[in-house]
Amino acid sequence: MLTRTVKISNVTNLSDARYCAGMGVEMLGFSIDEDSPNYISPKKFEDICSWLAGVTLVAETAQSSAEAILLQLQQYPVHAVQVEDPGLLGYLKSELALPLILRISVDQYEADEIQSLLNRYEDAATHFLLESDQDAELSLNWLQILPSLAEEHPLLIGFGLDTDSAIIALNNLPENIGIALRGSEEIRPGYKDFGSMMDILEALEEQ
């Protein structure tokens, strides 16, 4: 088992899904946006998930239309939904009996600016996923502020985890801070190099 909550985003193949589930990953995310390079069709989603048990399946979307999201979700029997537009949270919470994850790009905020955003949506979101589209580092400033943020809000950290020093630093953070990694394509069907994902998950295994 793993020492902290882990979410894998952008799962596109059975190799990632089965490996991560076997390692004790709690959440697997699948893009339901047809214009996303990581899009998973309802049929492929069903095929992958038929091999899984005991893992939370998350529909990931960047759409800004709540109606479009609800329509798409009819084809995906998931356990949770991840959105990027915080304005959707209130309506989706009223329409869905599912946990909601808010993805926040840290590229748009300084570490000390994010508290107010988390406070504003804490009643609607069950987790806040902090990621970067510009390969932001897990800087000393972030490492100093994350423990206090996590005391009030359920966090998943999904940026700056691609270096040995970041992994070491993360292991020194409170265990109530979860992490988020991203899936990748198979080299060929059934053959996969798990690379840094394997290193991080093995570093988080209970000894």
C-alpha atoms as a PDB file:
ATOM      1  CA  MET A   1       0.000   0.000   0.000  1.00  0.00           C
ATOM      2  CA  LEU A   2       0.959   3.637  -0.473  1.00  0.00           C
ATOM      3  CA  THR A   3       1.668   6.090   2.331  1.00  0.00           C
ATOM      4  CA  ARG A   4      -0.513   8.831   0.867  1.00  0.00           C
ATOM      5  CA  THR A   5      -3.448   9.353  -1.526  1.00  0.00           C
ATOM      6  CA  VAL A   6      -2.400   9.169  -5.180  1.00  0.00           C
ATOM      7  CA  LYS A   7      -4.374  10.106  -8.295  1.00  0.00           C
ATOM      8  CA  ILE A   8      -3.266   9.185 -11.813  1.00  0.00           C
ATOM      9  CA  SER A   9      -4.619  11.561 -14.461  1.00  0.00           C
ATOM     10  CA  ASN A  10      -4.979  11.018 -18.206  1.00  0.00           C
ATOM     11  CA  VAL A  11      -5.150   7.227 -18.066  1.00  0.00           C
ATOM     12  CA  THR A  12      -5.389   5.956 -21.649  1.00  0.00           C
ATOM     13  CA  ASN A  13      -4.464   2.275 -21.470  1.00  0.00           C
ATOM     14  CA  LEU A  14      -4.985  -0.895 -19.463  1.00  0.00           C
ATOM     15  CA  SER A  15      -1.277  -1.211 -18.622  1.00  0.00           C
ATOM     16  CA  ASP A  16      -1.291   2.033 -16.606  1.00  0.00           C
ATOM     17  CA  ALA A  17      -4.650   1.258 -15.036  1.00  0.00           C
ATOM     18  CA  ARG A  18      -3.792  -2.242 -13.839  1.00  0.00           C
ATOM     19  CA  TYR A  19      -0.290  -1.336 -12.640  1.00  0.00           C
ATOM     20  CA  CYS A  20      -1.522   1.676 -10.666  1.00  0.00           C
ATOM     21  CA  ALA A  21      -4.482  -0.174  -9.176  1.00  0.00           C
ATOM     22  CA  GLY A  22      -2.152  -2.983  -8.138  1.00  0.00           C
ATOM     23  CA  MET A  23       0.165  -0.489  -6.448  1.00  0.00           C
ATOM     24  CA  GLY A  24      -2.685   0.869  -4.345  1.00  0.00           C
ATOM     25  CA  VAL A  25      -3.416   4.082  -6.244  1.00  0.00           C
ATOM     26  CA  GLU A  26      -6.721   5.454  -4.969  1.00  0.00           C
ATOM     27  CA  MET A  27      -7.968   7.416  -8.008  1.00  0.00           C
ATOM     28  CA  LEU A  28      -7.668   6.895 -11.773  1.00  0.00           C
ATOM     29  CA  GLY A  29      -8.704   9.760 -14.049  1.00  0.00           C
ATOM     30  CA  PHE A  30     -10.004   9.490 -17.621  1.00  0.00           C
ATOM     31  CA  SER A  31     -10.551  12.404 -20.006  1.00  0.00           C
ATOM     32  CA  ILE A  32     -14.115  12.510 -21.347  1.00  0.00           C
ATOM     33  CA  ASP A  33     -13.429  15.504 -23.647  1.00  0.00           C
ATOM     34  CA  GLU A  34     -13.540  14.426 -27.273  1.00  0.00           C
ATOM     35  CA  ASP A  35     -11.110  17.180 -28.291  1.00  0.00           C
ATOM     36  CA  SER A  36      -8.487  16.066 -25.760  1.00  0.00           C
ATOM     37  CA  PRO A  37      -5.449  14.054 -26.931  1.00  0.00           C
ATOM     38  CA  ASN A  38      -6.084  11.823 -23.904  1.00  0.00           C
ATOM     39  CA  TYR A  39      -9.769  11.259 -24.676  1.00  0.00           C
ATOM     40  CA  ILE A  40     -11.156   7.866 -23.713  1.00  0.00           C
ATOM     41  CA  SER A  41     -14.285   6.698 -25.526  1.00  0.00           C
ATOM     42  CA  PRO A  42     -17.086   5.159 -23.452  1.00  0.00           C
ATOM     43  CA  LYS A  43     -16.310   1.755 -24.971  1.00  0.00           C
ATOM     44  CA  LYS A  44     -12.590   1.931 -24.147  1.00  0.00           C
ATOM     45  CA  PHE A  45     -13.423   3.221 -20.672  1.00  0.00           C
ATOM     46  CA  GLU A  46     -15.669   0.214 -20.145  1.00  0.00           C
ATOM     47  CA  ASP A  47     -13.025  -2.194 -21.467  1.00  0.00           C
ATOM     48  CA  ILE A  48     -10.324  -0.815 -19.156  1.00  0.00           C
ATOM     49  CA  CYS A  49     -12.494  -0.556 -16.062  1.00  0.00           C
ATOM     50  CA  SER A  50     -13.820  -4.103 -16.408  1.00  0.00           C
ATOM     51  CA  TRP A  51     -10.358  -5.221 -15.232  1.00  0.00           C
ATOM     52  CA  LEU A  52     -10.306  -2.950 -12.184  1.00  0.00           C
ATOM     53  CA  ALA A  53     -11.674  -3.162  -8.662  1.00  0.00           C
ATOM     54  CA  GLY A  54     -11.336  -1.085  -5.531  1.00  0.00           C
ATOM     55  CA  VAL A  55     -10.269   2.132  -7.268  1.00  0.00           C
ATOM     56  CA  THR A  56     -12.104   5.472  -7.622  1.00  0.00           C
ATOM     57  CA  LEU A  57     -12.811   6.262 -11.294  1.00  0.00           C
ATOM     58  CA  VAL A  58     -12.699   9.983 -12.085  1.00  0.00           C
ATOM     59  CA  ALA A  59     -14.137  11.688 -15.187  1.00  0.00           C
ATOM     60  CA  GLU A  60     -11.796  14.550 -16.154  1.00  0.00           C
ATOM     61  CA  THR A  61     -13.114  17.468 -18.191  1.00  0.00           C
ATOM     62  CA  ALA A  62     -12.028  20.972 -19.158  1.00  0.00           C
ATOM     63  CA  GLN A  63     -15.461  21.842 -20.531  1.00  0.00           C
ATOM     64  CA  SER A  64     -17.200  24.978 -19.280  1.00  0.00           C
ATOM     65  CA  SER A  65     -20.749  23.834 -20.057  1.00  0.00           C
ATOM     66  CA  ALA A  66     -22.380  22.024 -17.159  1.00  0.00           C
ATOM     67  CA  GLU A  67     -25.111  20.680 -19.446  1.00  0.00           C
ATOM     68  CA  ALA A  68     -22.545  19.186 -21.834  1.00  0.00           C
ATOM     69  CA  ILE A  69     -20.699  17.578 -18.919  1.00  0.00           C
ATOM     70  CA  LEU A  70     -23.873  16.042 -17.515  1.00  0.00           C
ATOM     71  CA  LEU A  71     -24.781  14.686 -20.938  1.00  0.00           C
ATOM     72  CA  GLN A  72     -21.342  13.156 -21.422  1.00  0.00           C
ATOM     73  CA  LEU A  73     -21.362  11.624 -17.946  1.00  0.00           C
ATOM     74  CA  GLN A  74     -24.375   9.528 -18.861  1.00  0.00           C
ATOM     75  CA  GLN A  75     -21.937   7.319 -20.808  1.00  0.00           C
ATOM     76  CA  TYR A  76     -19.342   7.024 -18.021  1.00  0.00           C
ATOM     77  CA  PRO A  77     -20.194   5.229 -14.750  1.00  0.00           C
ATOM     78  CA  VAL A  78     -17.623   7.083 -12.652  1.00  0.00           C
ATOM     79  CA  HIS A  79     -17.259   7.693  -8.922  1.00  0.00           C
ATOM     80  CA  ALA A  80     -16.080  11.330  -9.100  1.00  0.00           C
ATOM     81  CA  VAL A  81     -15.779  14.260 -11.529  1.00  0.00           C
ATOM     82  CA  GLN A  82     -12.862  16.661 -12.058  1.00  0.00           C
ATOM     83  CA  VAL A  83     -13.443  20.119 -13.549  1.00  0.00           C
ATOM     84  CA  GLU A  84     -11.282  23.159 -14.262  1.00  0.00           C
ATOM     85  CA  ASP A  85     -13.955  25.875 -14.165  1.00  0.00           C
ATOM     86  CA  PRO A  86     -14.772  26.633 -10.504  1.00  0.00           C
ATOM     87  CA  GLY A  87     -18.006  28.284 -11.588  1.00  0.00           C
ATOM     88  CA  LEU A  88     -19.412  24.834 -12.409  1.00  0.00           C
ATOM     89  CA  LEU A  89     -19.023  23.415  -8.915  1.00  0.00           C
ATOM     90  CA  GLY A  90     -22.221  24.713  -7.352  1.00  0.00           C
ATOM     91  CA  TYR A  91     -24.481  23.538 -10.168  1.00  0.00           C
ATOM     92  CA  LEU A  92     -22.787  20.171 -10.571  1.00  0.00           C
ATOM     93  CA  LYS A  93     -22.961  19.583  -6.830  1.00  0.00           C
ATOM     94  CA  SER A  94     -26.724  20.127  -6.971  1.00  0.00           C
ATOM     95  CA  GLU A  95     -27.128  17.774  -9.945  1.00  0.00           C
ATOM     96  CA  LEU A  96     -24.661  14.991  -9.129  1.00  0.00           C
ATOM     97  CA  ALA A  97     -24.330  12.779  -6.096  1.00  0.00           C
ATOM     98  CA  LEU A  98     -20.600  12.513  -6.777  1.00  0.00           C
ATOM     99  CA  PRO A  99     -17.439  14.014  -5.260  1.00  0.00           C
ATOM    100  CA  LEU A 100     -16.052  16.960  -7.243  1.00  0.00           C
ATOM    101  CA  ILE A 101     -12.357  17.688  -7.781  1.00  0.00           C
ATOM    102  CA  LEU A 102     -11.277  21.180  -8.825  1.00  0.00           C
ATOM    103  CA  ARG A 103      -8.123  21.317 -10.951  1.00  0.00           C
ATOM    104  CA  ILE A 104      -6.179  24.543 -10.419  1.00  0.00           C
ATOM    105  CA  SER A 105      -3.250  25.637 -12.568  1.00  0.00           C
ATOM    106  CA  VAL A 106      -0.522  26.940 -10.255  1.00  0.00           C
ATOM    107  CA  ASP A 107       0.893  28.875 -13.206  1.00  0.00           C
ATOM    108  CA  GLN A 108      -1.808  31.476 -12.560  1.00  0.00           C
ATOM    109  CA  TYR A 109      -1.115  31.948  -8.847  1.00  0.00           C
ATOM    110  CA  GLU A 110       1.711  32.572  -6.443  1.00  0.00           C
ATOM    111  CA  ALA A 111       1.905  30.101  -3.571  1.00  0.00           C
ATOM    112  CA  ASP A 112       0.641  32.675  -1.078  1.00  0.00           C
ATOM    113  CA  GLU A 113      -2.309  33.703  -3.297  1.00  0.00           C
ATOM    114  CA  ILE A 114      -4.085  30.376  -3.493  1.00  0.00           C
ATOM    115  CA  GLN A 115      -5.552  30.279   0.015  1.00  0.00           C
ATOM    116  CA  SER A 116      -8.485  32.556  -0.856  1.00  0.00           C
ATOM    117  CA  LEU A 117      -9.399  30.433  -3.894  1.00  0.00           C
ATOM    118  CA  LEU A 118      -9.465  27.258  -1.828  1.00  0.00           C
ATOM    119  CA  ASN A 119     -11.549  28.966   0.865  1.00  0.00           C
ATOM    120  CA  ARG A 120     -14.074  30.143  -1.712  1.00  0.00           C
ATOM    121  CA  TYR A 121     -14.822  26.671  -3.061  1.00  0.00           C
ATOM    122  CA  GLU A 122     -14.169  24.457  -0.052  1.00  0.00           C
ATOM    123  CA  ASP A 123     -17.855  23.612   0.410  1.00  0.00           C
ATOM    124  CA  ALA A 124     -18.243  22.312  -3.148  1.00  0.00           C
ATOM    125  CA  ALA A 125     -14.955  20.546  -3.893  1.00  0.00           C
ATOM    126  CA  THR A 126     -13.857  17.379  -2.134  1.00  0.00           C
ATOM    127  CA  HIS A 127     -10.257  17.743  -3.406  1.00  0.00           C
ATOM    128  CA  PHE A 128      -8.159  20.489  -4.943  1.00  0.00           C
ATOM    129  CA  LEU A 129      -5.709  19.291  -7.606  1.00  0.00           C
ATOM    130  CA  LEU A 130      -2.773  21.655  -8.091  1.00  0.00           C
ATOM    131  CA  GLU A 131      -1.072  21.120 -11.461  1.00  0.00           C
ATOM    132  CA  SER A 132       1.053  23.100 -13.882  1.00  0.00           C
ATOM    133  CA  ASP A 133       0.846  23.438 -17.650  1.00  0.00           C
ATOM    134  CA  GLN A 134       4.300  25.051 -17.731  1.00  0.00           C
ATOM    135  CA  ASP A 135       6.339  22.525 -15.713  1.00  0.00           C
ATOM    136  CA  ALA A 136       6.448  24.654 -12.576  1.00  0.00           C
ATOM    137  CA  GLU A 137       8.858  23.568  -9.878  1.00  0.00           C
ATOM    138  CA  LEU A 138       7.873  22.447  -6.406  1.00  0.00           C
ATOM    139  CA  SER A 139       9.726  25.444  -5.020  1.00  0.00           C
ATOM    140  CA  LEU A 140      10.766  26.103  -1.442  1.00  0.00           C
ATOM    141  CA  ASN A 141       7.946  28.629  -1.187  1.00  0.00           C
ATOM    142  CA  TRP A 142       5.403  25.972  -2.137  1.00  0.00           C
ATOM    143  CA  LEU A 143       6.958  23.401   0.192  1.00  0.00           C
ATOM    144  CA  GLN A 144       6.657  25.882   3.060  1.00  0.00           C
ATOM    145  CA  ILE A 145       3.021  26.815   2.429  1.00  0.00           C
ATOM    146  CA  LEU A 146       1.545  23.425   1.478  1.00  0.00           C
ATOM    147  CA  PRO A 147       1.390  21.993   5.031  1.00  0.00           C
ATOM    148  CA  SER A 148      -0.710  24.920   6.285  1.00  0.00           C
ATOM    149  CA  LEU A 149      -3.002  24.725   3.230  1.00  0.00           C
ATOM    150  CA  ALA A 150      -3.464  20.991   3.761  1.00  0.00           C
ATOM    151  CA  GLU A 151      -4.585  21.551   7.340  1.00  0.00           C
ATOM    152  CA  GLU A 152      -7.785  23.108   5.970  1.00  0.00           C
ATOM    153  CA  HIS A 153      -8.141  21.665   2.465  1.00  0.00           C
ATOM    154  CA  PRO A 154      -7.716  18.214   0.848  1.00  0.00           C
ATOM    155  CA  LEU A 155      -4.862  18.698  -1.638  1.00  0.00           C
ATOM    156  CA  LEU A 156      -3.437  16.688  -4.496  1.00  0.00           C
ATOM    157  CA  ILE A 157      -0.062  17.990  -5.737  1.00  0.00           C
ATOM    158  CA  GLY A 158       0.603  17.303  -9.404  1.00  0.00           C
ATOM    159  CA  PHE A 159       3.563  19.508 -10.321  1.00  0.00           C
ATOM    160  CA  GLY A 160       7.313  19.522  -9.780  1.00  0.00           C
ATOM    161  CA  LEU A 161       7.585  15.798  -9.053  1.00  0.00           C
ATOM    162  CA  ASP A 162       9.985  14.838 -11.827  1.00  0.00           C
ATOM    163  CA  THR A 163      13.228  15.218  -9.878  1.00  0.00           C
ATOM    164  CA  ASP A 164      14.793  13.165  -7.100  1.00  0.00           C
ATOM    165  CA  SER A 165      14.982  16.204  -4.837  1.00  0.00           C
ATOM    166  CA  ALA A 166      11.249  16.879  -5.267  1.00  0.00           C
ATOM    167  CA  ILE A 167      10.415  13.290  -4.318  1.00  0.00           C
ATOM    168  CA  ILE A 168      12.580  13.571  -1.200  1.00  0.00           C
ATOM    169  CA  ALA A 169      10.962  16.897  -0.294  1.00  0.00           C
ATOM    170  CA  LEU A 170       7.482  15.483  -0.794  1.00  0.00           C
ATOM    171  CA  ASN A 171       8.233  12.607   1.549  1.00  0.00           C
ATOM    172  CA  ASN A 172       8.970  15.212   4.220  1.00  0.00           C
ATOM    173  CA  LEU A 173       5.518  16.770   3.834  1.00  0.00           C
ATOM    174  CA  PRO A 174       2.507  15.654   5.910  1.00  0.00           C
ATOM    175  CA  GLU A 175       0.921  12.442   4.679  1.00  0.00           C
ATOM    176  CA  ASN A 176      -2.468  14.133   4.326  1.00  0.00           C
ATOM    177  CA  ILE A 177      -1.106  15.820   1.180  1.00  0.00           C
ATOM    178  CA  GLY A 178      -1.876  13.594  -1.789  1.00  0.00           C
ATOM    179  CA  ILE A 179      -0.074  13.590  -5.109  1.00  0.00           C
ATOM    180  CA  ALA A 180      -1.186  13.385  -8.720  1.00  0.00           C
ATOM    181  CA  LEU A 181       0.767  11.828 -11.571  1.00  0.00           C
ATOM    182  CA  ARG A 182      -0.063  11.506 -15.255  1.00  0.00           C
ATOM    183  CA  GLY A 183      -0.433   8.384 -17.324  1.00  0.00           C
ATOM    184  CA  SER A 184       1.353   7.971 -20.655  1.00  0.00           C
ATOM    185  CA  GLU A 185       0.957   6.030 -23.866  1.00  0.00           C
ATOM    186  CA  GLU A 186       2.021   2.421 -24.252  1.00  0.00           C
ATOM    187  CA  ILE A 187       5.075   1.703 -26.416  1.00  0.00           C
ATOM    188  CA  ARG A 188       2.905  -0.931 -28.046  1.00  0.00           C
ATOM    189  CA  PRO A 189      -0.224  -2.734 -26.803  1.00  0.00           C
ATOM    190  CA  GLY A 190       0.569  -4.478 -23.531  1.00  0.00           C
ATOM    191  CA  TYR A 191       4.126  -3.084 -23.299  1.00  0.00           C
ATOM    192  CA  LYS A 192       4.848  -0.062 -21.137  1.00  0.00           C
ATOM    193  CA  ASP A 193       7.827   1.756 -19.623  1.00  0.00           C
ATOM    194  CA  PHE A 194       6.457   3.203 -16.376  1.00  0.00           C
ATOM    195  CA  GLY A 195       9.556   5.353 -15.847  1.00  0.00           C
ATOM    196  CA  SER A 196       9.276   8.086 -13.217  1.00  0.00           C
ATOM    197  CA  MET A 197       5.774   6.951 -12.236  1.00  0.00           C
ATOM    198  CA  MET A 198       7.218   3.672 -10.992  1.00  0.00           C
ATOM    199  CA  ASP A 199       9.997   5.480  -9.109  1.00  0.00           C
ATOM    200  CA  ILE A 200       7.547   7.749  -7.305  1.00  0.00           C
ATOM    201  CA  LEU A 201       5.019   5.049  -6.458  1.00  0.00           C
ATOM    202  CA  GLU A 202       7.746   2.756  -5.157  1.00  0.00           C
ATOM    203  CA  ALA A 203       9.094   5.627  -3.041  1.00  0.00           C
ATOM    204  CA  LEU A 204       5.619   5.986  -1.510  1.00  0.00           C
ATOM    205  CA  GLU A 205       5.171   2.310  -0.674  1.00  0.00           C
ATOM    206  CA  GLU A 206       4.905   1.431   3.002  1.00  0.00           C
ATOM    207  CA  GLN A 207       8.081  -0.250   4.190  1.00  0.00           C
END
